[in-house]
């Protein structure tokens, strides 16, 4: 690691990445396990949540180790292959997550505002939509696999060549067109669609509550549905809070509005904006546990089961230990009694021999 004024920032970033990785990996693994083992009812919502958890696991397992490794080195040392994979996975996962959130919004919109068309979103359709999203994003976002490469420069203070992971373009216009397309596909268009669907849902719910208050319609909106809707809104809010700063900064850099190398503290700020994009992977499982009753119940059951197993293991170990201790004590006591009996028999034999000798005399 290169020492210098940025050393505290490096340590802070490494610690924060470790915390995010730990929480996100455990939480999303638990979410996938609960859904795949059918500990919750398999619905279209849980299918989409499982896809989001899977996306978060890919980000955590592939990109976080790369980001941490770069904190220990000067320049990029992971090679051209990982440079391509890093850029590709980042864009694919972002596009996949945003499109999944859009589909979840459409699903809830149909379920609440158009309940008679609910058959359009069955479980099989949800699985098919998830597969289509993966295929579409994997094909559309292939540019980093082609353009990304590592370029080496001579770094005078260290008297060595260091590498940087770049995306190469023949012209600046082509690069700007591509990045505007990526931001539109990954971020802007999904945001507009999500705002439309969730605002429509909110308006419909408010109108329905008013009509129910005046006795015009029956109450249909259960507490469980309200909790699921709150959960989805919280997931969407967390996603955009975590991704918006870095997306705006990327757009400004592409159009050369700002230069992070010349603006004080902007490079450090960009590192924390990048770190913030991974926070959604750690926040999502917490949101599921807070708002989704079935997830909360399943997590409590798994925790209590693991606690009971741990307690049983400890008590069993203590019982075996006590049994073995008592057994060893009993064995030692029996051996001691045998030695005492042998000693008494020897004394009796000696006395009898002496008495026989006296009788002969």
Protein backbone atom coordinates (compact mmCIF):
# COMPACT_ATOMS: atom_id res chain seq x y z
CA UNK A 1 0.00 0.00 0.00
CA UNK A 2 1.27 3.43 -0.88
CA UNK A 3 1.54 5.68 2.15
CA UNK A 4 0.46 9.30 1.90
CA UNK A 5 -2.25 11.79 2.78
CA UNK A 6 -4.94 9.43 1.46
CA UNK A 7 -3.98 6.62 3.83
CA UNK A 8 -6.88 7.27 6.29
CA UNK A 9 -9.31 7.26 3.34
CA UNK A 10 -7.95 3.91 2.18
CA UNK A 11 -8.36 2.36 5.62
CA UNK A 12 -11.88 3.79 5.98
CA UNK A 13 -12.89 2.50 2.54
CA UNK A 14 -11.52 -0.98 3.26
CA UNK A 15 -13.38 -1.17 6.58
CA UNK A 16 -16.64 0.09 5.04
CA UNK A 17 -16.36 -2.33 2.11
CA UNK A 18 -15.83 -5.18 4.59
CA UNK A 19 -18.91 -4.18 6.63
CA UNK A 20 -21.08 -3.83 3.50
CA UNK A 21 -19.82 -7.15 2.13
CA UNK A 22 -20.52 -9.01 5.38
CA UNK A 23 -24.03 -7.61 5.89
CA UNK A 24 -24.96 -7.90 2.22
CA UNK A 25 -23.60 -11.41 1.73
CA UNK A 26 -25.26 -12.84 4.84
CA UNK A 27 -28.55 -11.00 4.25
CA UNK A 28 -28.94 -11.75 0.54
CA UNK A 29 -27.85 -15.38 0.97
CA UNK A 30 -30.52 -15.72 3.65
CA UNK A 31 -33.14 -14.14 1.35
CA UNK A 32 -32.29 -16.53 -1.51
CA UNK A 33 -32.32 -19.50 0.88
CA UNK A 34 -35.72 -18.56 2.34
CA UNK A 35 -37.27 -18.15 -1.12
CA UNK A 36 -35.65 -21.15 -2.83
CA UNK A 37 -36.53 -23.49 0.06
CA UNK A 38 -40.12 -22.18 -0.08
CA UNK A 39 -40.15 -20.97 3.51
CA UNK A 40 -42.29 -18.10 2.20
CA UNK A 41 -45.13 -18.25 -0.29
CA UNK A 42 -43.75 -18.14 -3.83
CA UNK A 43 -45.38 -15.15 -5.51
CA UNK A 44 -44.38 -12.81 -8.30
CA UNK A 45 -43.04 -10.40 -5.67
CA UNK A 46 -40.80 -13.00 -4.01
CA UNK A 47 -39.50 -14.11 -7.43
CA UNK A 48 -38.44 -10.55 -8.24
CA UNK A 49 -36.97 -10.12 -4.74
CA UNK A 50 -34.94 -13.29 -5.24
CA UNK A 51 -33.60 -11.87 -8.50
CA UNK A 52 -32.60 -8.63 -6.74
CA UNK A 53 -30.86 -10.62 -4.00
CA UNK A 54 -29.02 -12.66 -6.65
CA UNK A 55 -27.90 -9.45 -8.39
CA UNK A 56 -26.64 -8.07 -5.09
CA UNK A 57 -24.67 -11.27 -4.43
CA UNK A 58 -23.00 -11.01 -7.84
CA UNK A 59 -22.02 -7.40 -7.13
CA UNK A 60 -20.68 -8.26 -3.69
CA UNK A 61 -18.78 -11.41 -4.64
CA UNK A 62 -17.25 -10.08 -7.86
CA UNK A 63 -16.83 -6.31 -7.66
CA UNK A 64 -16.23 -5.65 -3.95
CA UNK A 65 -13.03 -7.80 -3.83
CA UNK A 66 -11.75 -5.94 -6.91
CA UNK A 67 -12.45 -2.55 -5.33
CA UNK A 68 -10.73 -3.58 -2.10
CA UNK A 69 -7.72 -4.97 -3.98
CA UNK A 70 -7.29 -1.61 -5.72
CA UNK A 71 -6.99 0.11 -2.33
CA UNK A 72 -3.79 -1.84 -1.66
CA UNK A 73 -2.05 -1.00 -4.92
CA UNK A 74 -0.90 1.93 -6.98
CA UNK A 75 -2.73 1.76 -10.28
CA UNK A 76 -4.64 -1.17 -11.75
CA UNK A 77 -2.89 -4.55 -11.39
CA UNK A 78 -5.79 -6.94 -12.03
CA UNK A 79 -5.18 -7.23 -15.77
CA UNK A 80 -7.20 -6.60 -18.92
CA UNK A 81 -9.59 -9.55 -18.44
CA UNK A 82 -10.78 -8.37 -15.03
CA UNK A 83 -10.90 -4.79 -16.30
CA UNK A 84 -13.42 -5.92 -18.94
CA UNK A 85 -15.39 -8.11 -16.50
CA UNK A 86 -15.56 -5.36 -13.89
CA UNK A 87 -17.09 -2.85 -16.29
CA UNK A 88 -19.42 -5.43 -17.81
CA UNK A 89 -20.81 -6.76 -14.51
CA UNK A 90 -21.33 -3.27 -13.14
CA UNK A 91 -23.48 -2.12 -16.08
CA UNK A 92 -25.36 -5.43 -16.39
CA UNK A 93 -26.25 -5.59 -12.70
CA UNK A 94 -27.34 -1.95 -12.62
CA UNK A 95 -29.56 -2.41 -15.69
CA UNK A 96 -30.93 -5.69 -14.35
CA UNK A 97 -31.79 -4.22 -10.95
CA UNK A 98 -33.47 -1.11 -12.38
CA UNK A 99 -35.55 -3.13 -14.88
CA UNK A 100 -36.55 -5.57 -12.13
CA UNK A 101 -37.77 -2.62 -10.04
CA UNK A 102 -39.78 -1.41 -13.03
CA UNK A 103 -41.40 -4.83 -13.48
CA UNK A 104 -42.18 -4.96 -9.74
CA UNK A 105 -43.89 -1.58 -10.09
CA UNK A 106 -45.94 -2.85 -13.04
CA UNK A 107 -46.86 -5.97 -11.06
CA UNK A 108 -48.10 -3.96 -8.07
CA UNK A 109 -49.90 -1.49 -10.36
CA UNK A 110 -51.84 -4.32 -12.01
CA UNK A 111 -52.52 -6.03 -8.67
CA UNK A 112 -53.94 -2.86 -7.08
CA UNK A 113 -55.33 -0.71 -9.90
CA UNK A 114 -56.23 -3.46 -12.41
CA UNK A 115 -57.02 -6.54 -10.30
CA UNK A 116 -59.08 -8.19 -13.06
CA UNK A 117 -55.95 -8.32 -15.24
CA UNK A 118 -53.91 -9.97 -12.51
CA UNK A 119 -53.59 -13.17 -14.58
CA UNK A 120 -51.04 -11.40 -16.78
CA UNK A 121 -48.52 -11.67 -13.95
CA UNK A 122 -48.41 -15.28 -12.85
CA UNK A 123 -45.39 -17.01 -11.36
CA UNK A 124 -44.36 -18.58 -14.67
CA UNK A 125 -44.59 -15.22 -16.37
CA UNK A 126 -42.50 -13.65 -13.62
CA UNK A 127 -39.75 -16.26 -14.09
CA UNK A 128 -39.87 -15.75 -17.87
CA UNK A 129 -39.61 -11.96 -17.44
CA UNK A 130 -36.58 -12.34 -15.16
CA UNK A 131 -34.88 -14.55 -17.79
CA UNK A 132 -35.69 -12.02 -20.54
CA UNK A 133 -34.23 -9.19 -18.45
CA UNK A 134 -30.99 -11.13 -17.93
CA UNK A 135 -30.66 -11.97 -21.64
CA UNK A 136 -31.48 -8.41 -22.72
CA UNK A 137 -29.09 -6.69 -20.33
CA UNK A 138 -26.30 -9.21 -20.99
CA UNK A 139 -26.49 -8.54 -24.74
CA UNK A 140 -27.05 -4.77 -24.65
CA UNK A 141 -24.27 -4.06 -22.15
CA UNK A 142 -21.46 -5.94 -23.94
CA UNK A 143 -19.51 -2.80 -24.88
CA UNK A 144 -17.14 -2.96 -21.84
CA UNK A 145 -16.09 -6.46 -22.92
CA UNK A 146 -14.93 -4.95 -26.21
CA UNK A 147 -13.66 -1.49 -25.30
CA UNK A 148 -12.18 -1.84 -21.82
CA UNK A 149 -8.44 -2.39 -21.52
CA UNK A 150 -5.51 -1.55 -19.26
CA UNK A 151 -3.12 1.21 -20.35
CA UNK A 152 0.24 1.72 -18.63
CA UNK A 153 1.90 5.05 -17.83
CA UNK A 154 5.22 5.97 -16.28
CA UNK A 155 4.70 7.34 -12.77
CA UNK A 156 7.65 9.58 -11.86
CA UNK A 157 7.31 9.64 -8.00
CA UNK A 158 7.39 5.85 -7.84
CA UNK A 159 9.78 5.50 -10.80
CA UNK A 160 7.62 2.74 -12.28
CA UNK A 161 4.87 2.07 -14.79
CA UNK A 162 1.34 1.83 -13.42
CA UNK A 163 -1.81 0.65 -15.17
CA UNK A 164 -5.24 2.23 -15.49
CA UNK A 165 -8.47 0.55 -16.59
CA UNK A 166 -9.94 2.59 -19.43
CA UNK A 167 -12.76 2.36 -21.95
CA UNK A 168 -11.31 3.17 -25.38
CA UNK A 169 -13.31 5.06 -28.00
CA UNK A 170 -12.41 6.31 -31.47
CA UNK A 171 -14.12 9.62 -30.78
CA UNK A 172 -15.40 11.56 -27.82
CA UNK A 173 -18.82 11.87 -29.45
CA UNK A 174 -19.21 8.07 -29.61
CA UNK A 175 -18.23 7.76 -25.96
CA UNK A 176 -20.76 10.41 -24.93
CA UNK A 177 -23.52 8.78 -26.96
CA UNK A 178 -22.80 5.42 -25.35
CA UNK A 179 -22.75 6.76 -21.78
CA UNK A 180 -25.96 8.74 -22.33
CA UNK A 181 -27.55 5.55 -23.69
CA UNK A 182 -26.35 3.53 -20.68
CA UNK A 183 -27.62 6.11 -18.19
CA UNK A 184 -30.94 6.33 -20.04
CA UNK A 185 -31.31 2.53 -20.23
CA UNK A 186 -30.08 1.84 -16.70
CA UNK A 187 -31.31 4.86 -14.82
CA UNK A 188 -33.36 7.63 -16.43
CA UNK A 189 -36.05 5.65 -18.29
CA UNK A 190 -36.58 3.14 -15.45
CA UNK A 191 -36.81 6.07 -13.02
CA UNK A 192 -39.55 7.75 -15.04
CA UNK A 193 -41.49 4.49 -15.35
CA UNK A 194 -41.15 3.74 -11.63
CA UNK A 195 -42.30 7.26 -10.71
CA UNK A 196 -45.32 6.87 -13.00
CA UNK A 197 -46.43 3.47 -11.70
CA UNK A 198 -45.91 4.16 -8.00
CA UNK A 199 -47.50 7.61 -8.17
CA UNK A 200 -50.48 6.04 -9.96
CA UNK A 201 -50.69 3.38 -7.24
CA UNK A 202 -50.53 6.08 -4.54
CA UNK A 203 -53.31 8.11 -6.18
CA UNK A 204 -55.47 5.01 -6.58
CA UNK A 205 -54.97 3.98 -2.94
CA UNK A 206 -55.85 7.48 -1.69
CA UNK A 207 -59.01 7.55 -3.81
CA UNK A 208 -60.02 4.07 -2.65
CA UNK A 209 -59.53 5.02 1.01
CA UNK A 210 -61.77 8.06 0.55
CA UNK A 211 -64.45 5.98 -1.17
CA UNK A 212 -64.24 3.38 1.58
CA UNK A 213 -64.58 6.11 4.21
CA UNK A 214 -67.88 7.21 2.64
CA UNK A 215 -69.06 3.60 2.23
CA UNK A 216 -68.88 3.58 -1.58
CA UNK A 217 -66.52 0.57 -1.83
CA UNK A 218 -65.53 -2.28 0.42
CA UNK A 219 -62.17 -2.27 2.07
CA UNK A 220 -59.78 -4.39 0.04
CA UNK A 221 -56.38 -3.14 1.06
CA UNK A 222 -55.12 -5.44 3.80
CA UNK A 223 -52.32 -4.65 6.22
CA UNK A 224 -50.08 -7.24 4.53
CA UNK A 225 -50.52 -5.58 1.13
CA UNK A 226 -49.75 -2.18 2.64
CA UNK A 227 -46.57 -3.56 4.20
CA UNK A 228 -45.45 -5.10 0.88
CA UNK A 229 -46.11 -1.83 -0.94
CA UNK A 230 -44.13 0.08 1.70
CA UNK A 231 -41.32 -2.44 1.32
CA UNK A 232 -41.17 -1.98 -2.46
CA UNK A 233 -41.18 1.81 -2.12
CA UNK A 234 -38.36 1.56 0.44
CA UNK A 235 -36.34 -0.71 -1.90
CA UNK A 236 -36.81 1.72 -4.80
CA UNK A 237 -35.86 4.70 -2.61
CA UNK A 238 -32.74 2.93 -1.32
CA UNK A 239 -31.72 2.01 -4.87
CA UNK A 240 -31.91 5.57 -6.16
CA UNK A 241 -30.36 7.14 -3.08
CA UNK A 242 -27.39 4.79 -3.47
CA UNK A 243 -26.97 5.06 -7.25
CA UNK A 244 -27.91 8.66 -8.09
CA UNK A 245 -24.75 10.47 -6.83
CA UNK A 246 -22.34 8.19 -8.72
CA UNK A 247 -24.47 8.26 -11.89
CA UNK A 248 -24.54 12.07 -11.90
CA UNK A 249 -20.79 12.23 -11.27
CA UNK A 250 -20.16 9.80 -14.15
CA UNK A 251 -22.29 11.89 -16.50
CA UNK A 252 -20.44 15.07 -15.52
CA UNK A 253 -17.08 13.37 -16.07
CA UNK A 254 -18.09 12.09 -19.53
CA UNK A 255 -19.09 15.56 -20.66
CA UNK A 256 -15.95 16.96 -19.00
CA UNK A 257 -17.94 19.36 -16.88
CA UNK A 258 -15.66 18.52 -13.97
CA UNK A 259 -12.26 16.90 -13.59
CA UNK A 260 -11.82 14.82 -10.45
CA UNK A 261 -8.04 15.17 -10.72
CA UNK A 262 -8.11 18.97 -10.44
CA UNK A 263 -11.03 19.62 -8.06
CA UNK A 264 -9.91 19.24 -4.41
CA UNK A 265 -11.32 16.24 -2.54
CA UNK A 266 -13.45 15.22 -5.54
CA UNK A 267 -11.46 12.02 -6.12
CA UNK A 268 -12.03 10.97 -2.49
CA UNK A 269 -15.70 11.90 -2.84
CA UNK A 270 -16.01 9.81 -6.00
CA UNK A 271 -14.60 6.81 -4.10
CA UNK A 272 -17.31 7.20 -1.46
CA UNK A 273 -19.99 7.65 -4.14
CA UNK A 274 -18.82 4.36 -5.64
CA UNK A 275 -18.95 2.77 -2.20
CA UNK A 276 -22.50 4.06 -1.79
CA UNK A 277 -23.64 2.08 -4.84
CA UNK A 278 -22.89 -1.15 -2.96
CA UNK A 279 -24.84 -0.03 0.11
CA UNK A 280 -28.15 -0.98 -1.51
CA UNK A 281 -26.96 -4.60 -1.51
CA UNK A 282 -26.65 -4.44 2.28
CA UNK A 283 -29.79 -2.36 2.86
CA UNK A 284 -32.23 -4.48 0.84
CA UNK A 285 -32.25 -7.57 3.12
CA UNK A 286 -32.82 -5.30 6.13
CA UNK A 287 -35.81 -3.73 4.36
CA UNK A 288 -37.25 -7.17 3.56
CA UNK A 289 -36.95 -8.18 7.20
CA UNK A 290 -38.59 -4.97 8.43
CA UNK A 291 -41.57 -4.83 6.07
CA UNK A 292 -42.27 -8.35 4.76
CA UNK A 293 -44.08 -10.33 7.47
CA UNK A 294 -43.26 -13.73 5.96
CA UNK A 295 -39.56 -12.90 5.67
CA UNK A 296 -39.55 -11.62 9.23
CA UNK A 297 -41.25 -14.79 10.51
CA UNK A 298 -38.90 -17.06 8.53
CA UNK A 299 -35.83 -15.24 9.81
CA UNK A 300 -37.08 -15.52 13.40
CA UNK A 301 -37.75 -19.24 12.97
CA UNK A 302 -34.31 -19.84 11.49
CA UNK A 303 -32.68 -17.82 14.27
CA UNK A 304 -34.58 -19.67 17.00
CA UNK A 305 -33.81 -23.02 15.36
CA UNK A 306 -30.10 -22.20 15.18
CA UNK A 307 -30.21 -21.02 18.81
CA UNK A 308 -31.89 -24.25 19.91
CA UNK A 309 -29.36 -26.31 17.96
CA UNK A 310 -26.50 -24.38 19.52
CA UNK A 311 -28.00 -24.77 23.02
CA UNK A 312 -28.57 -28.50 22.47
CA UNK A 313 -24.99 -28.92 21.26
CA UNK A 314 -23.65 -27.11 24.33
CA UNK A 315 -25.87 -29.08 26.75
CA UNK A 316 -25.00 -32.34 25.01
CA UNK A 317 -21.31 -31.52 25.23
CA UNK A 318 -21.66 -30.68 28.91
CA UNK A 319 -23.59 -33.92 29.56
CA UNK A 320 -20.96 -35.99 27.79
CA UNK A 321 -18.24 -34.14 29.70
CA UNK A 322 -19.99 -34.78 33.01
CA UNK A 323 -20.56 -38.44 32.09
CA UNK A 324 -16.94 -38.94 31.08
CA UNK A 325 -15.77 -37.15 34.24
CA UNK A 326 -18.04 -39.26 36.44
CA UNK A 327 -16.94 -42.40 34.60
CA UNK A 328 -13.28 -41.64 35.07
CA UNK A 329 -13.90 -40.84 38.76
CA UNK A 330 -15.77 -44.13 39.24
CA UNK A 331 -13.00 -46.04 37.49
CA UNK A 332 -10.36 -44.46 39.72
CA UNK A 333 -12.48 -45.16 42.81
CA UNK A 334 -12.95 -48.83 41.82
CA UNK A 335 -9.23 -49.21 41.22
CA UNK A 336 -8.53 -47.69 44.64
CA UNK A 337 -10.99 -50.11 46.30
CA UNK A 338 -9.34 -53.06 44.54
CA UNK A 339 -5.90 -52.03 45.75
CA UNK A 340 -7.23 -51.70 49.32
CA UNK A 341 -8.79 -55.17 49.12
CA UNK A 342 -5.55 -56.66 47.78
CA UNK A 343 -3.65 -55.04 50.64
CA UNK A 344 -6.11 -56.43 53.21
CA UNK A 345 -5.87 -59.92 51.68
CA UNK A 346 -2.08 -59.75 51.83
CA UNK A 347 -2.23 -58.74 55.51
CA UNK A 348 -4.65 -61.58 56.29
CA UNK A 349 -2.42 -64.13 54.53
CA UNK A 350 0.61 -62.89 56.45
CA UNK A 351 -1.24 -63.16 59.76
CA UNK A 352 -2.50 -66.65 58.95
CA UNK A 353 1.03 -67.77 58.03
CA UNK A 354 2.38 -66.42 61.31
CA UNK A 355 -0.35 -68.21 63.28
CA UNK A 356 0.40 -71.51 61.51
CA UNK A 357 4.10 -71.17 62.29
CA UNK A 358 3.32 -70.55 65.97
CA UNK A 359 1.05 -73.60 66.06
CA UNK A 360 3.80 -75.83 64.66
CA UNK A 361 6.20 -74.66 67.32
